[in-house]
Amino acid sequence: MTRYRCIPIDDAVAERFRRSGRDDFDNPVRRVTATSASGFPCRRCLCCAEPGEPMLLGSYDLGRPRGIYWTPSPIFLHAQTCPGFAAADVVAPIIRANTLVSVRAYDAEDLCLYDLGHVCPGAEVDAALLRALDDPRTAFVNVHTARPGCLLSRVERVDATSSAAP
């Protein structure tokens, strides 16, 4: 089995959003209150906020893919510091909680591998995700919400000789 890890946004990025109140494109970060247990997925702990929790909403430069397929993404983030998701071989809770996700595989040149793309309920993402990660052309996978298209998490292979912790 291919080992993998769902990658949260970097702690420095999360803290910058919280501290400065500005997102990656210098827009003011919006403060919102979670109103449901599934509509406010934090990109640092990769868990959904509980109703009533304060959240931040801003635009995130997801880094890759670069070039033709690059796009920023709106993201939610807990307003208070939360731990980064670090589990290996576990689909992030925010992916599982989503009713419909888009699995998008990219090669080392940041080109989309269309034949590996798949849309499915988040609770059923395992087969599509592993199919993409098992393909030797795949450098990384981004999992997005299928309807609005927001990045949920990057997924990368874990080298069997390295630690799964960030």
C-alpha atoms as a PDB file:
ATOM      1  CA  MET A   1       0.000   0.000   0.000  1.00  0.00           C
ATOM      2  CA  THR A   2       1.178   3.492  -0.785  1.00  0.00           C
ATOM      3  CA  ARG A   3       1.729   5.489   2.378  1.00  0.00           C
ATOM      4  CA  TYR A   4       0.479   9.071   2.346  1.00  0.00           C
ATOM      5  CA  ARG A   5      -0.118  12.163   4.420  1.00  0.00           C
ATOM      6  CA  CYS A   6      -2.700  14.940   4.209  1.00  0.00           C
ATOM      7  CA  ILE A   7      -0.701  18.169   4.487  1.00  0.00           C
ATOM      8  CA  PRO A   8      -2.086  21.070   6.542  1.00  0.00           C
ATOM      9  CA  ILE A   9      -1.203  24.657   5.769  1.00  0.00           C
ATOM     10  CA  ASP A  10       2.072  25.660   7.360  1.00  0.00           C
ATOM     11  CA  ASP A  11       1.902  26.909  10.952  1.00  0.00           C
ATOM     12  CA  ALA A  12       3.701  30.136   9.968  1.00  0.00           C
ATOM     13  CA  VAL A  13       0.997  30.880   7.368  1.00  0.00           C
ATOM     14  CA  ALA A  14      -1.789  30.158   9.868  1.00  0.00           C
ATOM     15  CA  GLU A  15      -0.180  32.377  12.511  1.00  0.00           C
ATOM     16  CA  ARG A  16       0.356  35.171   9.977  1.00  0.00           C
ATOM     17  CA  PHE A  17      -3.351  35.069   9.060  1.00  0.00           C
ATOM     18  CA  ARG A  18      -4.257  35.224  12.762  1.00  0.00           C
ATOM     19  CA  ARG A  19      -1.710  37.857  13.767  1.00  0.00           C
ATOM     20  CA  SER A  20      -1.883  40.250  10.808  1.00  0.00           C
ATOM     21  CA  GLY A  21      -5.541  39.856   9.907  1.00  0.00           C
ATOM     22  CA  ARG A  22      -4.465  39.747   6.244  1.00  0.00           C
ATOM     23  CA  ASP A  23      -4.567  36.836   3.812  1.00  0.00           C
ATOM     24  CA  ASP A  24      -1.999  35.803   1.191  1.00  0.00           C
ATOM     25  CA  PHE A  25      -3.235  38.522  -1.182  1.00  0.00           C
ATOM     26  CA  ASP A  26      -3.369  41.281   1.444  1.00  0.00           C
ATOM     27  CA  ASN A  27      -7.150  41.122   1.744  1.00  0.00           C
ATOM     28  CA  PRO A  28      -8.585  41.547   5.228  1.00  0.00           C
ATOM     29  CA  VAL A  29      -9.267  38.161   6.798  1.00  0.00           C
ATOM     30  CA  ARG A  30     -12.972  37.813   7.617  1.00  0.00           C
ATOM     31  CA  ARG A  31     -14.011  36.670  11.073  1.00  0.00           C
ATOM     32  CA  VAL A  32     -17.008  34.342  11.048  1.00  0.00           C
ATOM     33  CA  THR A  33     -18.708  32.011  13.494  1.00  0.00           C
ATOM     34  CA  ALA A  34     -19.215  28.371  12.515  1.00  0.00           C
ATOM     35  CA  THR A  35     -22.923  27.670  12.174  1.00  0.00           C
ATOM     36  CA  SER A  36     -22.733  23.943  11.381  1.00  0.00           C
ATOM     37  CA  ALA A  37     -20.495  20.983  12.157  1.00  0.00           C
ATOM     38  CA  SER A  38     -19.443  20.432   8.545  1.00  0.00           C
ATOM     39  CA  GLY A  39     -19.307  23.734   6.658  1.00  0.00           C
ATOM     40  CA  PHE A  40     -16.232  25.269   8.283  1.00  0.00           C
ATOM     41  CA  PRO A  41     -13.183  23.046   7.585  1.00  0.00           C
ATOM     42  CA  CYS A  42      -9.962  24.295   9.218  1.00  0.00           C
ATOM     43  CA  ARG A  43      -6.961  23.883   6.929  1.00  0.00           C
ATOM     44  CA  ARG A  44      -4.463  23.659   9.827  1.00  0.00           C
ATOM     45  CA  CYS A  45      -5.906  20.878  12.018  1.00  0.00           C
ATOM     46  CA  LEU A  46      -7.910  19.496   9.047  1.00  0.00           C
ATOM     47  CA  CYS A  47     -10.975  19.127  11.276  1.00  0.00           C
ATOM     48  CA  CYS A  48     -14.359  20.788  10.969  1.00  0.00           C
ATOM     49  CA  ALA A  49     -15.192  23.551  13.410  1.00  0.00           C
ATOM     50  CA  GLU A  50     -17.893  23.009  15.988  1.00  0.00           C
ATOM     51  CA  PRO A  51     -20.924  25.301  15.790  1.00  0.00           C
ATOM     52  CA  GLY A  52     -20.164  28.542  17.632  1.00  0.00           C
ATOM     53  CA  GLU A  53     -16.377  28.374  17.101  1.00  0.00           C
ATOM     54  CA  PRO A  54     -14.750  31.544  15.755  1.00  0.00           C
ATOM     55  CA  MET A  55     -13.164  31.033  12.357  1.00  0.00           C
ATOM     56  CA  LEU A  56     -11.146  33.069   9.882  1.00  0.00           C
ATOM     57  CA  LEU A  57     -11.827  33.139   6.146  1.00  0.00           C
ATOM     58  CA  GLY A  58      -9.162  34.266   3.705  1.00  0.00           C
ATOM     59  CA  SER A  59      -7.564  33.618   0.353  1.00  0.00           C
ATOM     60  CA  TYR A  60      -4.665  31.158   0.391  1.00  0.00           C
ATOM     61  CA  ASP A  61      -1.850  30.741  -2.122  1.00  0.00           C
ATOM     62  CA  LEU A  62      -1.689  26.964  -2.166  1.00  0.00           C
ATOM     63  CA  GLY A  63       1.729  26.954  -3.808  1.00  0.00           C
ATOM     64  CA  ARG A  64       1.262  24.084  -6.217  1.00  0.00           C
ATOM     65  CA  PRO A  65       0.353  23.529  -8.882  1.00  0.00           C
ATOM     66  CA  ARG A  66       2.192  26.453 -10.430  1.00  0.00           C
ATOM     67  CA  GLY A  67       1.721  27.604 -13.978  1.00  0.00           C
ATOM     68  CA  ILE A  68      -1.358  26.815 -16.010  1.00  0.00           C
ATOM     69  CA  TYR A  69      -3.306  25.094 -13.212  1.00  0.00           C
ATOM     70  CA  TRP A  70      -2.434  27.480 -10.385  1.00  0.00           C
ATOM     71  CA  THR A  71      -5.265  29.144  -8.528  1.00  0.00           C
ATOM     72  CA  PRO A  72      -5.694  30.643  -5.058  1.00  0.00           C
ATOM     73  CA  SER A  73      -8.283  29.130  -2.747  1.00  0.00           C
ATOM     74  CA  PRO A  74     -10.556  30.476  -0.035  1.00  0.00           C
ATOM     75  CA  ILE A  75      -9.883  28.683   3.250  1.00  0.00           C
ATOM     76  CA  PHE A  76     -11.253  28.587   6.769  1.00  0.00           C
ATOM     77  CA  LEU A  77      -8.905  28.523   9.728  1.00  0.00           C
ATOM     78  CA  HIS A  78      -9.629  28.320  13.447  1.00  0.00           C
ATOM     79  CA  ALA A  79      -9.269  31.804  14.924  1.00  0.00           C
ATOM     80  CA  GLN A  80      -7.384  30.280  17.853  1.00  0.00           C
ATOM     81  CA  THR A  81      -4.178  28.281  17.452  1.00  0.00           C
ATOM     82  CA  CYS A  82      -4.792  24.625  16.673  1.00  0.00           C
ATOM     83  CA  PRO A  83      -2.363  21.754  16.079  1.00  0.00           C
ATOM     84  CA  GLY A  84      -1.370  20.775  12.569  1.00  0.00           C
ATOM     85  CA  PHE A  85      -2.736  17.474  11.290  1.00  0.00           C
ATOM     86  CA  ALA A  86       0.104  14.941  11.380  1.00  0.00           C
ATOM     87  CA  ALA A  87      -1.386  11.459  10.988  1.00  0.00           C
ATOM     88  CA  ALA A  88      -0.067   9.221   8.228  1.00  0.00           C
ATOM     89  CA  ASP A  89      -2.277   6.953   6.126  1.00  0.00           C
ATOM     90  CA  VAL A  90      -5.404   8.720   7.390  1.00  0.00           C
ATOM     91  CA  VAL A  91      -7.786  10.731   5.230  1.00  0.00           C
ATOM     92  CA  ALA A  92      -8.240  14.139   6.871  1.00  0.00           C
ATOM     93  CA  PRO A  93     -11.581  14.556   8.669  1.00  0.00           C
ATOM     94  CA  ILE A  94     -12.460  17.620   6.547  1.00  0.00           C
ATOM     95  CA  ILE A  95     -12.220  15.488   3.397  1.00  0.00           C
ATOM     96  CA  ARG A  96     -14.388  12.717   4.852  1.00  0.00           C
ATOM     97  CA  ALA A  97     -16.977  15.271   6.058  1.00  0.00           C
ATOM     98  CA  ASN A  98     -17.467  16.787   2.604  1.00  0.00           C
ATOM     99  CA  THR A  99     -20.454  15.577   0.614  1.00  0.00           C
ATOM    100  CA  LEU A 100     -18.580  15.839  -2.687  1.00  0.00           C
ATOM    101  CA  VAL A 101     -14.824  16.142  -3.277  1.00  0.00           C
ATOM    102  CA  SER A 102     -12.619  16.432  -6.329  1.00  0.00           C
ATOM    103  CA  VAL A 103      -9.378  14.432  -6.368  1.00  0.00           C
ATOM    104  CA  ARG A 104      -6.855  16.187  -8.622  1.00  0.00           C
ATOM    105  CA  ALA A 105      -3.483  14.550  -9.322  1.00  0.00           C
ATOM    106  CA  TYR A 106      -0.509  16.514 -10.678  1.00  0.00           C
ATOM    107  CA  ASP A 107       2.825  15.447 -12.113  1.00  0.00           C
ATOM    108  CA  ALA A 108       6.297  16.802 -11.274  1.00  0.00           C
ATOM    109  CA  GLU A 109       5.812  19.620 -13.812  1.00  0.00           C
ATOM    110  CA  ASP A 110       2.544  20.669 -12.120  1.00  0.00           C
ATOM    111  CA  LEU A 111       0.409  19.417 -15.001  1.00  0.00           C
ATOM    112  CA  CYS A 112      -2.966  17.937 -14.156  1.00  0.00           C
ATOM    113  CA  LEU A 113      -3.284  14.200 -14.786  1.00  0.00           C
ATOM    114  CA  TYR A 114      -6.845  14.257 -16.095  1.00  0.00           C
ATOM    115  CA  ASP A 115      -7.198  10.492 -16.259  1.00  0.00           C
ATOM    116  CA  LEU A 116      -6.656  10.275 -12.490  1.00  0.00           C
ATOM    117  CA  GLY A 117      -9.185  12.952 -11.578  1.00  0.00           C
ATOM    118  CA  HIS A 118     -12.247  11.780  -9.715  1.00  0.00           C
ATOM    119  CA  VAL A 119     -15.312  13.293  -8.037  1.00  0.00           C
ATOM    120  CA  CYS A 120     -16.948  11.361  -5.222  1.00  0.00           C
ATOM    121  CA  PRO A 121     -18.378  11.718  -1.715  1.00  0.00           C
ATOM    122  CA  GLY A 122     -15.618  12.477   0.788  1.00  0.00           C
ATOM    123  CA  ALA A 123     -16.567   9.388   2.780  1.00  0.00           C
ATOM    124  CA  GLU A 124     -15.718   7.285  -0.293  1.00  0.00           C
ATOM    125  CA  VAL A 125     -12.467   8.975  -1.376  1.00  0.00           C
ATOM    126  CA  ASP A 126     -10.026   6.186  -0.466  1.00  0.00           C
ATOM    127  CA  ALA A 127     -10.010   4.288  -3.765  1.00  0.00           C
ATOM    128  CA  ALA A 128      -9.671   7.416  -5.932  1.00  0.00           C
ATOM    129  CA  LEU A 129      -6.961   8.864  -3.700  1.00  0.00           C
ATOM    130  CA  LEU A 130      -4.928   5.650  -3.617  1.00  0.00           C
ATOM    131  CA  ARG A 131      -5.331   5.178  -7.367  1.00  0.00           C
ATOM    132  CA  ALA A 132      -3.828   8.635  -7.931  1.00  0.00           C
ATOM    133  CA  LEU A 133      -1.020   8.121  -5.401  1.00  0.00           C
ATOM    134  CA  ASP A 134      -0.171   4.669  -6.779  1.00  0.00           C
ATOM    135  CA  ASP A 135       0.401   6.099 -10.255  1.00  0.00           C
ATOM    136  CA  PRO A 136       4.143   6.773 -10.756  1.00  0.00           C
ATOM    137  CA  ARG A 137       3.365   9.972 -12.689  1.00  0.00           C
ATOM    138  CA  THR A 138       1.764  11.576  -9.632  1.00  0.00           C
ATOM    139  CA  ALA A 139       3.905  14.059  -7.701  1.00  0.00           C
ATOM    140  CA  PHE A 140       1.076  15.184  -5.381  1.00  0.00           C
ATOM    141  CA  VAL A 141      -2.698  15.266  -5.124  1.00  0.00           C
ATOM    142  CA  ASN A 142      -4.903  18.193  -4.173  1.00  0.00           C
ATOM    143  CA  VAL A 143      -8.342  17.383  -2.813  1.00  0.00           C
ATOM    144  CA  HIS A 144     -10.896  20.161  -3.271  1.00  0.00           C
ATOM    145  CA  THR A 145     -14.556  20.661  -2.499  1.00  0.00           C
ATOM    146  CA  ALA A 146     -16.215  19.623  -5.754  1.00  0.00           C
ATOM    147  CA  ARG A 147     -18.826  22.353  -5.944  1.00  0.00           C
ATOM    148  CA  PRO A 148     -17.066  25.577  -4.888  1.00  0.00           C
ATOM    149  CA  GLY A 149     -13.602  24.158  -5.628  1.00  0.00           C
ATOM    150  CA  CYS A 150     -11.868  25.190  -2.380  1.00  0.00           C
ATOM    151  CA  LEU A 151      -8.688  23.315  -1.467  1.00  0.00           C
ATOM    152  CA  LEU A 152      -9.233  20.925   1.438  1.00  0.00           C
ATOM    153  CA  SER A 153      -5.760  19.396   1.590  1.00  0.00           C
ATOM    154  CA  ARG A 154      -2.704  18.497  -0.426  1.00  0.00           C
ATOM    155  CA  VAL A 155      -1.865  14.795  -0.164  1.00  0.00           C
ATOM    156  CA  GLU A 156       1.672  13.526  -0.611  1.00  0.00           C
ATOM    157  CA  ARG A 157       3.299  10.133  -0.466  1.00  0.00           C
ATOM    158  CA  VAL A 158       5.238   9.308   2.696  1.00  0.00           C
ATOM    159  CA  ASP A 159       8.647   7.791   2.099  1.00  0.00           C
ATOM    160  CA  ALA A 160       8.772   4.460   3.954  1.00  0.00           C
ATOM    161  CA  THR A 161      12.151   5.386   5.448  1.00  0.00           C
ATOM    162  CA  SER A 162      11.109   8.799   6.758  1.00  0.00           C
ATOM    163  CA  SER A 163       8.944   9.881   9.667  1.00  0.00           C
ATOM    164  CA  ALA A 164       5.328  10.835   8.997  1.00  0.00           C
ATOM    165  CA  ALA A 165       5.554  13.882  11.282  1.00  0.00           C
ATOM    166  CA  PRO A 166       6.032  17.308   9.673  1.00  0.00           C
END
